[in-house]
PDB file of all heavy atoms in Angstrom:
ATOM      1  N   PRO A   1    -101.291 112.229 -49.482  1.00  0.00           N
ATOM      2  CA  PRO A   1    -100.867 113.560 -49.951  1.00  0.00           C
ATOM      3  C   PRO A   1     -99.938 113.539 -51.155  1.00  0.00           C
ATOM      4  O   PRO A   1     -99.880 114.521 -51.910  1.00  0.00           O
ATOM      5  CB  PRO A   1    -100.146 114.144 -48.720  1.00  0.00           C
ATOM      6  CG  PRO A   1    -100.741 113.443 -47.554  1.00  0.00           C
ATOM      7  CD  PRO A   1    -101.020 112.054 -48.042  1.00  0.00           C
ATOM      8  N   TRP A   2     -99.227 112.440 -51.370  1.00  0.00           N
ATOM      9  CA  TRP A   2     -98.271 112.393 -52.476  1.00  0.00           C
ATOM     10  C   TRP A   2     -98.964 112.292 -53.830  1.00  0.00           C
ATOM     11  O   TRP A   2     -98.325 112.553 -54.868  1.00  0.00           O
ATOM     12  CB  TRP A   2     -97.312 111.219 -52.280  1.00  0.00           C
ATOM     13  CG  TRP A   2     -96.540 111.335 -51.003  1.00  0.00           C
ATOM     14  CD1 TRP A   2     -96.724 110.617 -49.861  1.00  0.00           C
ATOM     15  CD2 TRP A   2     -95.473 112.248 -50.721  1.00  0.00           C
ATOM     16  NE1 TRP A   2     -95.852 111.024 -48.880  1.00  0.00           N
ATOM     17  CE2 TRP A   2     -95.063 112.017 -49.383  1.00  0.00           C
ATOM     18  CE3 TRP A   2     -94.820 113.230 -51.468  1.00  0.00           C
ATOM     19  CZ2 TRP A   2     -94.036 112.745 -48.781  1.00  0.00           C
ATOM     20  CZ3 TRP A   2     -93.795 113.953 -50.867  1.00  0.00           C
ATOM     21  CH2 TRP A   2     -93.402 113.708 -49.555  1.00  0.00           C
ATOM     22  N   VAL A   3    -100.242 111.916 -53.841  1.00  0.00           N
ATOM     23  CA  VAL A   3    -100.982 111.864 -55.106  1.00  0.00           C
ATOM     24  C   VAL A   3    -102.151 112.844 -55.108  1.00  0.00           C
ATOM     25  O   VAL A   3    -102.920 112.893 -56.053  1.00  0.00           O
ATOM     26  CB  VAL A   3    -101.498 110.426 -55.384  1.00  0.00           C
ATOM     27  CG1 VAL A   3    -100.335 109.452 -55.485  1.00  0.00           C
ATOM     28  CG2 VAL A   3    -102.483 109.964 -54.308  1.00  0.00           C
ATOM     29  N   ASP A   4    -102.284 113.607 -54.027  1.00  0.00           N
ATOM     30  CA  ASP A   4    -103.372 114.570 -53.865  1.00  0.00           C
ATOM     31  C   ASP A   4    -103.056 115.808 -54.703  1.00  0.00           C
ATOM     32  O   ASP A   4    -102.044 116.473 -54.487  1.00  0.00           O
ATOM     33  CB  ASP A   4    -103.491 114.936 -52.379  1.00  0.00           C
ATOM     34  CG  ASP A   4    -104.691 115.831 -52.080  1.00  0.00           C
ATOM     35  OD1 ASP A   4    -105.308 116.341 -53.029  1.00  0.00           O
ATOM     36  OD2 ASP A   4    -104.990 116.022 -50.881  1.00  0.00           O
ATOM     37  N   THR A   5    -103.920 116.128 -55.654  1.00  0.00           N
ATOM     38  CA  THR A   5    -103.676 117.269 -56.539  1.00  0.00           C
ATOM     39  C   THR A   5    -104.369 118.548 -56.081  1.00  0.00           C
ATOM     40  O   THR A   5    -104.200 119.602 -56.693  1.00  0.00           O
ATOM     41  CB  THR A   5    -104.142 116.938 -57.968  1.00  0.00           C
ATOM     42  OG1 THR A   5    -105.534 116.585 -57.939  1.00  0.00           O
ATOM     43  CG2 THR A   5    -103.342 115.782 -58.556  1.00  0.00           C
ATOM     44  N   ALA A   6    -105.133 118.480 -54.999  1.00  0.00           N
ATOM     45  CA  ALA A   6    -105.772 119.671 -54.451  1.00  0.00           C
ATOM     46  C   ALA A   6    -104.732 120.517 -53.721  1.00  0.00           C
ATOM     47  O   ALA A   6    -103.643 120.039 -53.397  1.00  0.00           O
ATOM     48  CB  ALA A   6    -106.913 119.272 -53.512  1.00  0.00           C
ATOM     49  N   PRO A   7    -105.037 121.783 -53.433  1.00  0.00           N
ATOM     50  CA  PRO A   7    -104.046 122.655 -52.792  1.00  0.00           C
ATOM     51  C   PRO A   7    -103.619 122.168 -51.409  1.00  0.00           C
ATOM     52  O   PRO A   7    -104.411 121.565 -50.673  1.00  0.00           O
ATOM     53  CB  PRO A   7    -104.781 124.003 -52.683  1.00  0.00           C
ATOM     54  CG  PRO A   7    -105.862 123.941 -53.699  1.00  0.00           C
ATOM     55  CD  PRO A   7    -106.286 122.508 -53.773  1.00  0.00           C
ATOM     56  N   SER A   8    -102.371 122.419 -51.082  1.00  0.00           N
ATOM     57  CA  SER A   8    -101.798 122.200 -49.746  1.00  0.00           C
ATOM     58  C   SER A   8    -102.045 120.799 -49.187  1.00  0.00           C
ATOM     59  O   SER A   8    -102.496 120.643 -48.053  1.00  0.00           O
ATOM     60  CB  SER A   8    -102.362 123.245 -48.770  1.00  0.00           C
ATOM     61  OG  SER A   8    -102.097 124.552 -49.198  1.00  0.00           O
ATOM     62  N   PRO A   9    -101.717 119.746 -49.929  1.00  0.00           N
ATOM     63  CA  PRO A   9    -102.033 118.400 -49.450  1.00  0.00           C
ATOM     64  C   PRO A   9    -101.327 118.018 -48.147  1.00  0.00           C
ATOM     65  O   PRO A   9    -101.916 117.350 -47.293  1.00  0.00           O
ATOM     66  CB  PRO A   9    -101.601 117.499 -50.609  1.00  0.00           C
ATOM     67  CG  PRO A   9    -100.598 118.298 -51.372  1.00  0.00           C
ATOM     68  CD  PRO A   9    -101.054 119.713 -51.257  1.00  0.00           C
ATOM     69  N   HIS A  10    -100.081 118.433 -47.970  1.00  0.00           N
ATOM     70  CA  HIS A  10     -99.346 118.049 -46.764  1.00  0.00           C
ATOM     71  C   HIS A  10     -99.821 118.854 -45.548  1.00  0.00           C
ATOM     72  O   HIS A  10     -99.889 118.317 -44.435  1.00  0.00           O
ATOM     73  CB  HIS A  10     -97.847 118.223 -46.985  1.00  0.00           C
ATOM     74  CG  HIS A  10     -97.299 117.296 -48.023  1.00  0.00           C
ATOM     75  ND1 HIS A  10     -96.987 115.983 -47.760  1.00  0.00           N
ATOM     76  CD2 HIS A  10     -97.053 117.485 -49.350  1.00  0.00           C
ATOM     77  CE1 HIS A  10     -96.543 115.398 -48.870  1.00  0.00           C
ATOM     78  NE2 HIS A  10     -96.586 116.285 -49.844  1.00  0.00           N
ATOM     79  N   LEU A  11    -100.150 120.104 -45.751  1.00  0.00           N
ATOM     80  CA  LEU A  11    -100.697 120.905 -44.655  1.00  0.00           C
ATOM     81  C   LEU A  11    -102.056 120.382 -44.231  1.00  0.00           C
ATOM     82  O   LEU A  11    -102.340 120.250 -43.029  1.00  0.00           O
ATOM     83  CB  LEU A  11    -100.803 122.373 -45.076  1.00  0.00           C
ATOM     84  CG  LEU A  11    -101.508 123.298 -44.078  1.00  0.00           C
ATOM     85  CD1 LEU A  11    -100.782 123.321 -42.740  1.00  0.00           C
ATOM     86  CD2 LEU A  11    -101.639 124.708 -44.656  1.00  0.00           C
ATOM     87  N   VAL A  12    -102.910 120.077 -45.196  1.00  0.00           N
ATOM     88  CA  VAL A  12    -104.252 119.566 -44.861  1.00  0.00           C
ATOM     89  C   VAL A  12    -104.134 118.218 -44.157  1.00  0.00           C
ATOM     90  O   VAL A  12    -104.836 117.956 -43.172  1.00  0.00           O
ATOM     91  CB  VAL A  12    -105.116 119.455 -46.134  1.00  0.00           C
ATOM     92  CG1 VAL A  12    -106.423 118.728 -45.849  1.00  0.00           C
ATOM     93  CG2 VAL A  12    -105.396 120.851 -46.686  1.00  0.00           C
ATOM     94  N   ARG A  13    -103.239 117.393 -44.627  1.00  0.00           N
ATOM     95  CA  ARG A  13    -103.012 116.103 -43.965  1.00  0.00           C
ATOM     96  C   ARG A  13    -102.552 116.321 -42.526  1.00  0.00           C
ATOM     97  O   ARG A  13    -102.998 115.641 -41.601  1.00  0.00           O
ATOM     98  CB  ARG A  13    -101.978 115.312 -44.759  1.00  0.00           C
ATOM     99  CG  ARG A  13    -101.654 113.933 -44.200  1.00  0.00           C
ATOM    100  CD  ARG A  13    -100.311 113.943 -43.496  1.00  0.00           C
ATOM    101  NE  ARG A  13     -99.966 112.631 -42.970  1.00  0.00           N
ATOM    102  CZ  ARG A  13     -98.963 112.417 -42.145  1.00  0.00           C
ATOM    103  NH1 ARG A  13     -98.191 113.422 -41.757  1.00  0.00           N
ATOM    104  NH2 ARG A  13     -98.716 111.208 -41.687  1.00  0.00           N
ATOM    105  N   ALA A  14    -101.643 117.282 -42.303  1.00  0.00           N
ATOM    106  CA  ALA A  14    -101.164 117.567 -40.950  1.00  0.00           C
ATOM    107  C   ALA A  14    -102.295 118.057 -40.058  1.00  0.00           C
ATOM    108  O   ALA A  14    -102.396 117.669 -38.882  1.00  0.00           O
ATOM    109  CB  ALA A  14    -100.049 118.608 -41.003  1.00  0.00           C
ATOM    110  N   ALA A  15    -103.145 118.911 -40.591  1.00  0.00           N
ATOM    111  CA  ALA A  15    -104.287 119.403 -39.809  1.00  0.00           C
ATOM    112  C   ALA A  15    -105.222 118.263 -39.413  1.00  0.00           C
ATOM    113  O   ALA A  15    -105.739 118.215 -38.287  1.00  0.00           O
ATOM    114  CB  ALA A  15    -105.040 120.460 -40.616  1.00  0.00           C
ATOM    115  N   LYS A  16    -105.426 117.333 -40.335  1.00  0.00           N
ATOM    116  CA  LYS A  16    -106.264 116.170 -40.013  1.00  0.00           C
ATOM    117  C   LYS A  16    -105.576 115.246 -39.017  1.00  0.00           C
ATOM    118  O   LYS A  16    -106.216 114.651 -38.146  1.00  0.00           O
ATOM    119  CB  LYS A  16    -106.632 115.419 -41.303  1.00  0.00           C
ATOM    120  CG  LYS A  16    -107.618 116.190 -42.168  1.00  0.00           C
ATOM    121  CD  LYS A  16    -108.160 115.348 -43.314  1.00  0.00           C
ATOM    122  CE  LYS A  16    -107.179 115.178 -44.427  1.00  0.00           C
ATOM    123  NZ  LYS A  16    -107.781 114.498 -45.611  1.00  0.00           N
ATOM    124  N   MET A  17    -104.255 115.116 -39.139  1.00  0.00           N
ATOM    125  CA  MET A  17    -103.504 114.280 -38.195  1.00  0.00           C
ATOM    126  C   MET A  17    -103.666 114.778 -36.764  1.00  0.00           C
ATOM    127  O   MET A  17    -103.834 113.991 -35.827  1.00  0.00           O
ATOM    128  CB  MET A  17    -102.012 114.276 -38.556  1.00  0.00           C
ATOM    129  CG  MET A  17    -101.629 113.322 -39.655  1.00  0.00           C
ATOM    130  SD  MET A  17    -101.543 111.581 -39.130  1.00  0.00           S
ATOM    131  CE  MET A  17     -99.992 111.551 -38.245  1.00  0.00           C
ATOM    132  N   ILE A  18    -103.596 116.098 -36.562  1.00  0.00           N
ATOM    133  CA  ILE A  18    -103.639 116.613 -35.200  1.00  0.00           C
ATOM    134  C   ILE A  18    -105.061 116.742 -34.666  1.00  0.00           C
ATOM    135  O   ILE A  18    -105.238 117.022 -33.478  1.00  0.00           O
ATOM    136  CB  ILE A  18    -102.865 117.939 -35.058  1.00  0.00           C
ATOM    137  CG1 ILE A  18    -103.467 119.035 -35.909  1.00  0.00           C
ATOM    138  CG2 ILE A  18    -101.404 117.741 -35.390  1.00  0.00           C
ATOM    139  CD1 ILE A  18    -102.771 120.381 -35.711  1.00  0.00           C
ATOM    140  N   THR A  19    -106.061 116.528 -35.510  1.00  0.00           N
ATOM    141  CA  THR A  19    -107.426 116.425 -34.989  1.00  0.00           C
ATOM    142  C   THR A  19    -107.774 114.961 -34.712  1.00  0.00           C
ATOM    143  O   THR A  19    -108.220 114.615 -33.617  1.00  0.00           O
ATOM    144  CB  THR A  19    -108.439 117.034 -35.970  1.00  0.00           C
ATOM    145  OG1 THR A  19    -108.258 116.457 -37.272  1.00  0.00           O
ATOM    146  CG2 THR A  19    -108.253 118.526 -36.085  1.00  0.00           C
ATOM    147  N   TRP A  20    -107.515 114.089 -35.685  1.00  0.00           N
ATOM    148  CA  TRP A  20    -107.793 112.665 -35.493  1.00  0.00           C
ATOM    149  C   TRP A  20    -106.874 112.061 -34.432  1.00  0.00           C
ATOM    150  O   TRP A  20    -107.235 111.110 -33.731  1.00  0.00           O
ATOM    151  CB  TRP A  20    -107.628 111.911 -36.817  1.00  0.00           C
ATOM    152  CG  TRP A  20    -107.715 110.422 -36.661  1.00  0.00           C
ATOM    153  CD1 TRP A  20    -106.700 109.522 -36.819  1.00  0.00           C
ATOM    154  CD2 TRP A  20    -108.858 109.655 -36.281  1.00  0.00           C
ATOM    155  NE1 TRP A  20    -107.144 108.243 -36.579  1.00  0.00           N
ATOM    156  CE2 TRP A  20    -108.472 108.297 -36.236  1.00  0.00           C
ATOM    157  CE3 TRP A  20    -110.183 109.979 -35.968  1.00  0.00           C
ATOM    158  CZ2 TRP A  20    -109.354 107.271 -35.907  1.00  0.00           C
ATOM    159  CZ3 TRP A  20    -111.073 108.961 -35.630  1.00  0.00           C
ATOM    160  CH2 TRP A  20    -110.650 107.626 -35.600  1.00  0.00           C
ATOM    161  N   GLY A  21    -105.704 112.630 -34.252  1.00  0.00           N
ATOM    162  CA  GLY A  21    -104.693 112.049 -33.376  1.00  0.00           C
ATOM    163  C   GLY A  21    -105.109 111.855 -31.939  1.00  0.00           C
ATOM    164  O   GLY A  21    -104.511 111.055 -31.217  1.00  0.00           O
ATOM    165  N   GLN A  22    -106.120 112.585 -31.479  1.00  0.00           N
ATOM    166  CA  GLN A  22    -106.518 112.447 -30.079  1.00  0.00           C
ATOM    167  C   GLN A  22    -107.181 111.103 -29.791  1.00  0.00           C
ATOM    168  O   GLN A  22    -107.259 110.691 -28.636  1.00  0.00           O
ATOM    169  CB  GLN A  22    -107.452 113.577 -29.671  1.00  0.00           C
ATOM    170  CG  GLN A  22    -108.856 113.519 -30.239  1.00  0.00           C
ATOM    171  CD  GLN A  22    -109.704 114.678 -29.729  1.00  0.00           C
ATOM    172  OE1 GLN A  22    -109.232 115.788 -29.561  1.00  0.00           O
ATOM    173  NE2 GLN A  22    -110.974 114.407 -29.465  1.00  0.00           N
ATOM    174  N   ALA A  23    -107.623 110.396 -30.825  1.00  0.00           N
ATOM    175  CA  ALA A  23    -108.286 109.106 -30.597  1.00  0.00           C
ATOM    176  C   ALA A  23    -107.289 108.066 -30.083  1.00  0.00           C
ATOM    177  O   ALA A  23    -107.594 107.308 -29.159  1.00  0.00           O
ATOM    178  CB  ALA A  23    -108.955 108.614 -31.882  1.00  0.00           C
ATOM    179  N   ASP A  24    -106.105 108.016 -30.681  1.00  0.00           N
ATOM    180  CA  ASP A  24    -105.084 107.042 -30.282  1.00  0.00           C
ATOM    181  C   ASP A  24    -103.792 107.393 -30.994  1.00  0.00           C
ATOM    182  O   ASP A  24    -103.797 107.715 -32.178  1.00  0.00           O
ATOM    183  CB  ASP A  24    -105.512 105.615 -30.675  1.00  0.00           C
ATOM    184  CG  ASP A  24    -104.396 104.608 -30.493  1.00  0.00           C
ATOM    185  OD1 ASP A  24    -104.049 104.314 -29.335  1.00  0.00           O
ATOM    186  OD2 ASP A  24    -103.859 104.128 -31.508  1.00  0.00           O
ATOM    187  N   ALA A  25    -102.699 107.331 -30.260  1.00  0.00           N
ATOM    188  CA  ALA A  25    -101.399 107.656 -30.856  1.00  0.00           C
ATOM    189  C   ALA A  25    -100.746 106.453 -31.531  1.00  0.00           C
ATOM    190  O   ALA A  25    -100.084 106.595 -32.564  1.00  0.00           O
ATOM    191  CB  ALA A  25    -100.463 108.215 -29.788  1.00  0.00           C
ATOM    192  N   GLY A  26    -100.918 105.264 -30.970  1.00  0.00           N
ATOM    193  CA  GLY A  26    -100.169 104.104 -31.430  1.00  0.00           C
ATOM    194  C   GLY A  26    -100.402 103.735 -32.873  1.00  0.00           C
ATOM    195  O   GLY A  26     -99.444 103.452 -33.611  1.00  0.00           O
ATOM    196  N   HIS A  27    -101.660 103.742 -33.315  1.00  0.00           N
ATOM    197  CA  HIS A  27    -101.922 103.298 -34.685  1.00  0.00           C
ATOM    198  C   HIS A  27    -101.375 104.283 -35.707  1.00  0.00           C
ATOM    199  O   HIS A  27    -101.247 103.946 -36.895  1.00  0.00           O
ATOM    200  CB  HIS A  27    -103.427 103.090 -34.905  1.00  0.00           C
ATOM    201  CG  HIS A  27    -104.201 104.357 -35.153  1.00  0.00           C
ATOM    202  ND1 HIS A  27    -104.490 105.261 -34.154  1.00  0.00           N
ATOM    203  CD2 HIS A  27    -104.734 104.882 -36.288  1.00  0.00           C
ATOM    204  CE1 HIS A  27    -105.171 106.277 -34.663  1.00  0.00           C
ATOM    205  NE2 HIS A  27    -105.331 106.066 -35.955  1.00  0.00           N
ATOM    206  N   GLN A  28    -101.001 105.481 -35.259  1.00  0.00           N
ATOM    207  CA  GLN A  28    -100.472 106.461 -36.197  1.00  0.00           C
ATOM    208  C   GLN A  28     -99.012 106.188 -36.567  1.00  0.00           C
ATOM    209  O   GLN A  28     -98.486 106.808 -37.486  1.00  0.00           O
ATOM    210  CB  GLN A  28    -100.625 107.870 -35.626  1.00  0.00           C
ATOM    211  CG  GLN A  28    -102.093 108.270 -35.528  1.00  0.00           C
ATOM    212  CD  GLN A  28    -102.275 109.735 -35.246  1.00  0.00           C
ATOM    213  OE1 GLN A  28    -102.184 110.578 -36.144  1.00  0.00           O
ATOM    214  NE2 GLN A  28    -102.542 110.064 -34.004  1.00  0.00           N
ATOM    215  N   CYS A  29     -98.390 105.250 -35.874  1.00  0.00           N
ATOM    216  CA  CYS A  29     -97.018 104.881 -36.245  1.00  0.00           C
ATOM    217  C   CYS A  29     -96.963 104.279 -37.653  1.00  0.00           C
ATOM    218  O   CYS A  29     -96.230 104.784 -38.516  1.00  0.00           O
ATOM    219  CB  CYS A  29     -96.435 103.929 -35.210  1.00  0.00           C
ATOM    220  SG  CYS A  29     -94.817 103.261 -35.663  1.00  0.00           S
ATOM    221  N   PRO A  30     -97.709 103.214 -37.964  1.00  0.00           N
ATOM    222  CA  PRO A  30     -97.679 102.711 -39.347  1.00  0.00           C
ATOM    223  C   PRO A  30     -98.249 103.699 -40.351  1.00  0.00           C
ATOM    224  O   PRO A  30     -97.803 103.732 -41.509  1.00  0.00           O
ATOM    225  CB  PRO A  30     -98.517 101.427 -39.279  1.00  0.00           C
ATOM    226  CG  PRO A  30     -99.358 101.561 -38.055  1.00  0.00           C
ATOM    227  CD  PRO A  30     -98.533 102.345 -37.086  1.00  0.00           C
ATOM    228  N   ILE A  31     -99.214 104.510 -39.922  1.00  0.00           N
ATOM    229  CA  ILE A  31     -99.748 105.542 -40.802  1.00  0.00           C
ATOM    230  C   ILE A  31     -98.645 106.523 -41.171  1.00  0.00           C
ATOM    231  O   ILE A  31     -98.471 106.898 -42.339  1.00  0.00           O
ATOM    232  CB  ILE A  31    -100.921 106.269 -40.111  1.00  0.00           C
ATOM    233  CG1 ILE A  31    -102.123 105.322 -39.957  1.00  0.00           C
ATOM    234  CG2 ILE A  31    -101.310 107.527 -40.882  1.00  0.00           C
ATOM    235  CD1 ILE A  31    -102.739 104.872 -41.257  1.00  0.00           C
ATOM    236  N   SER A  32     -97.874 106.945 -40.177  1.00  0.00           N
ATOM    237  CA  SER A  32     -96.786 107.895 -40.402  1.00  0.00           C
ATOM    238  C   SER A  32     -95.708 107.304 -41.302  1.00  0.00           C
ATOM    239  O   SER A  32     -95.209 107.971 -42.217  1.00  0.00           O
ATOM    240  CB  SER A  32     -96.189 108.316 -39.056  1.00  0.00           C
ATOM    241  OG  SER A  32     -95.106 109.199 -39.242  1.00  0.00           O
ATOM    242  N   MET A  33     -95.322 106.063 -41.051  1.00  0.00           N
ATOM    243  CA  MET A  33     -94.271 105.456 -41.872  1.00  0.00           C
ATOM    244  C   MET A  33     -94.727 105.254 -43.315  1.00  0.00           C
ATOM    245  O   MET A  33     -93.929 105.387 -44.253  1.00  0.00           O
ATOM    246  CB  MET A  33     -93.814 104.143 -41.243  1.00  0.00           C
ATOM    247  CG  MET A  33     -93.033 104.336 -39.958  1.00  0.00           C
ATOM    248  SD  MET A  33     -92.169 102.853 -39.380  1.00  0.00           S
ATOM    249  CE  MET A  33     -93.552 101.806 -38.959  1.00  0.00           C
ATOM    250  N   THR A  34     -95.993 104.955 -43.509  1.00  0.00           N
ATOM    251  CA  THR A  34     -96.513 104.799 -44.868  1.00  0.00           C
ATOM    252  C   THR A  34     -96.519 106.137 -45.596  1.00  0.00           C
ATOM    253  O   THR A  34     -96.252 106.210 -46.804  1.00  0.00           O
ATOM    254  CB  THR A  34     -97.927 104.179 -44.819  1.00  0.00           C
ATOM    255  OG1 THR A  34     -97.866 102.924 -44.123  1.00  0.00           O
ATOM    256  CG2 THR A  34     -98.482 103.946 -46.212  1.00  0.00           C
ATOM    257  N   TYR A  35     -96.802 107.198 -44.872  1.00  0.00           N
ATOM    258  CA  TYR A  35     -96.695 108.548 -45.437  1.00  0.00           C
ATOM    259  C   TYR A  35     -95.252 108.871 -45.792  1.00  0.00           C
ATOM    260  O   TYR A  35     -94.948 109.386 -46.872  1.00  0.00           O
ATOM    261  CB  TYR A  35     -97.222 109.544 -44.396  1.00  0.00           C
ATOM    262  CG  TYR A  35     -96.922 110.995 -44.657  1.00  0.00           C
ATOM    263  CD1 TYR A  35     -97.436 111.658 -45.769  1.00  0.00           C
ATOM    264  CD2 TYR A  35     -96.143 111.727 -43.756  1.00  0.00           C
ATOM    265  CE1 TYR A  35     -97.177 113.004 -45.990  1.00  0.00           C
ATOM    266  CE2 TYR A  35     -95.886 113.070 -43.965  1.00  0.00           C
ATOM    267  CZ  TYR A  35     -96.405 113.703 -45.072  1.00  0.00           C
ATOM    268  OH  TYR A  35     -96.146 115.038 -45.286  1.00  0.00           O
ATOM    269  N   ALA A  36     -94.344 108.536 -44.876  1.00  0.00           N
ATOM    270  CA  ALA A  36     -92.957 108.969 -45.003  1.00  0.00           C
ATOM    271  C   ALA A  36     -92.163 108.173 -46.016  1.00  0.00           C
ATOM    272  O   ALA A  36     -91.121 108.639 -46.506  1.00  0.00           O
ATOM    273  CB  ALA A  36     -92.274 108.879 -43.634  1.00  0.00           C
ATOM    274  N   VAL A  37     -92.589 106.966 -46.350  1.00  0.00           N
ATOM    275  CA  VAL A  37     -91.781 106.084 -47.191  1.00  0.00           C
ATOM    276  C   VAL A  37     -91.719 106.536 -48.642  1.00  0.00           C
ATOM    277  O   VAL A  37     -90.766 106.232 -49.360  1.00  0.00           O
ATOM    278  CB  VAL A  37     -92.309 104.628 -47.111  1.00  0.00           C
ATOM    279  CG1 VAL A  37     -93.560 104.448 -47.950  1.00  0.00           C
ATOM    280  CG2 VAL A  37     -91.243 103.635 -47.556  1.00  0.00           C
ATOM    281  N   VAL A  38     -92.715 107.281 -49.089  1.00  0.00           N
ATOM    282  CA  VAL A  38     -92.840 107.568 -50.520  1.00  0.00           C
ATOM    283  C   VAL A  38     -91.618 108.282 -51.097  1.00  0.00           C
ATOM    284  O   VAL A  38     -91.065 107.844 -52.118  1.00  0.00           O
ATOM    285  CB  VAL A  38     -94.145 108.344 -50.799  1.00  0.00           C
ATOM    286  CG1 VAL A  38     -94.192 108.821 -52.258  1.00  0.00           C
ATOM    287  CG2 VAL A  38     -95.355 107.457 -50.496  1.00  0.00           C
ATOM    288  N   PRO A  39     -91.137 109.394 -50.521  1.00  0.00           N
ATOM    289  CA  PRO A  39     -89.971 110.051 -51.130  1.00  0.00           C
ATOM    290  C   PRO A  39     -88.717 109.181 -51.145  1.00  0.00           C
ATOM    291  O   PRO A  39     -87.897 109.290 -52.059  1.00  0.00           O
ATOM    292  CB  PRO A  39     -89.776 111.308 -50.275  1.00  0.00           C
ATOM    293  CG  PRO A  39     -90.540 111.070 -49.022  1.00  0.00           C
ATOM    294  CD  PRO A  39     -91.655 110.162 -49.369  1.00  0.00           C
ATOM    295  N   ALA A  40     -88.565 108.323 -50.126  1.00  0.00           N
ATOM    296  CA  ALA A  40     -87.409 107.420 -50.122  1.00  0.00           C
ATOM    297  C   ALA A  40     -87.565 106.343 -51.194  1.00  0.00           C
ATOM    298  O   ALA A  40     -86.601 106.018 -51.911  1.00  0.00           O
ATOM    299  CB  ALA A  40     -87.247 106.782 -48.745  1.00  0.00           C
ATOM    300  N   LEU A  41     -88.760 105.792 -51.343  1.00  0.00           N
ATOM    301  CA  LEU A  41     -88.994 104.726 -52.319  1.00  0.00           C
ATOM    302  C   LEU A  41     -88.771 105.221 -53.741  1.00  0.00           C
ATOM    303  O   LEU A  41     -88.420 104.431 -54.632  1.00  0.00           O
ATOM    304  CB  LEU A  41     -90.413 104.178 -52.161  1.00  0.00           C
ATOM    305  CG  LEU A  41     -90.751 102.897 -52.921  1.00  0.00           C
ATOM    306  CD1 LEU A  41     -89.887 101.732 -52.427  1.00  0.00           C
ATOM    307  CD2 LEU A  41     -92.230 102.553 -52.774  1.00  0.00           C
ATOM    308  N   ARG A  42     -88.925 106.501 -53.953  1.00  0.00           N
ATOM    309  CA  ARG A  42     -88.750 107.061 -55.290  1.00  0.00           C
ATOM    310  C   ARG A  42     -87.305 106.969 -55.778  1.00  0.00           C
ATOM    311  O   ARG A  42     -87.035 107.233 -56.951  1.00  0.00           O
ATOM    312  CB  ARG A  42     -89.231 108.513 -55.314  1.00  0.00           C
ATOM    313  CG  ARG A  42     -90.757 108.617 -55.282  1.00  0.00           C
ATOM    314  CD  ARG A  42     -91.241 110.045 -55.194  1.00  0.00           C
ATOM    315  NE  ARG A  42     -92.705 110.115 -55.255  1.00  0.00           N
ATOM    316  CZ  ARG A  42     -93.418 111.234 -55.085  1.00  0.00           C
ATOM    317  NH1 ARG A  42     -92.793 112.385 -54.842  1.00  0.00           N
ATOM    318  NH2 ARG A  42     -94.733 111.215 -55.171  1.00  0.00           N
ATOM    319  N   HIS A  43     -86.384 106.588 -54.897  1.00  0.00           N
ATOM    320  CA  HIS A  43     -85.010 106.340 -55.334  1.00  0.00           C
ATOM    321  C   HIS A  43     -84.907 105.050 -56.149  1.00  0.00           C
ATOM    322  O   HIS A  43     -83.839 104.776 -56.713  1.00  0.00           O
ATOM    323  CB  HIS A  43     -84.070 106.283 -54.121  1.00  0.00           C
ATOM    324  CG  HIS A  43     -83.796 107.635 -53.539  1.00  0.00           C
ATOM    325  ND1 HIS A  43     -82.755 108.426 -53.961  1.00  0.00           N
ATOM    326  CD2 HIS A  43     -84.442 108.344 -52.582  1.00  0.00           C
ATOM    327  CE1 HIS A  43     -82.760 109.562 -53.283  1.00  0.00           C
ATOM    328  NE2 HIS A  43     -83.771 109.532 -52.430  1.00  0.00           N
TER     329      HIS A  43
END
């Protein structure tokens, strides 16, 4: 989402997260941290 130029990238990502999320919760931990690291790394 941080490089997605289409409308509402974070909302669309969230909608996909809560649909795909039913398959397994555990693997979404590294997925979430990789999403979350970008604004901090920009320091």
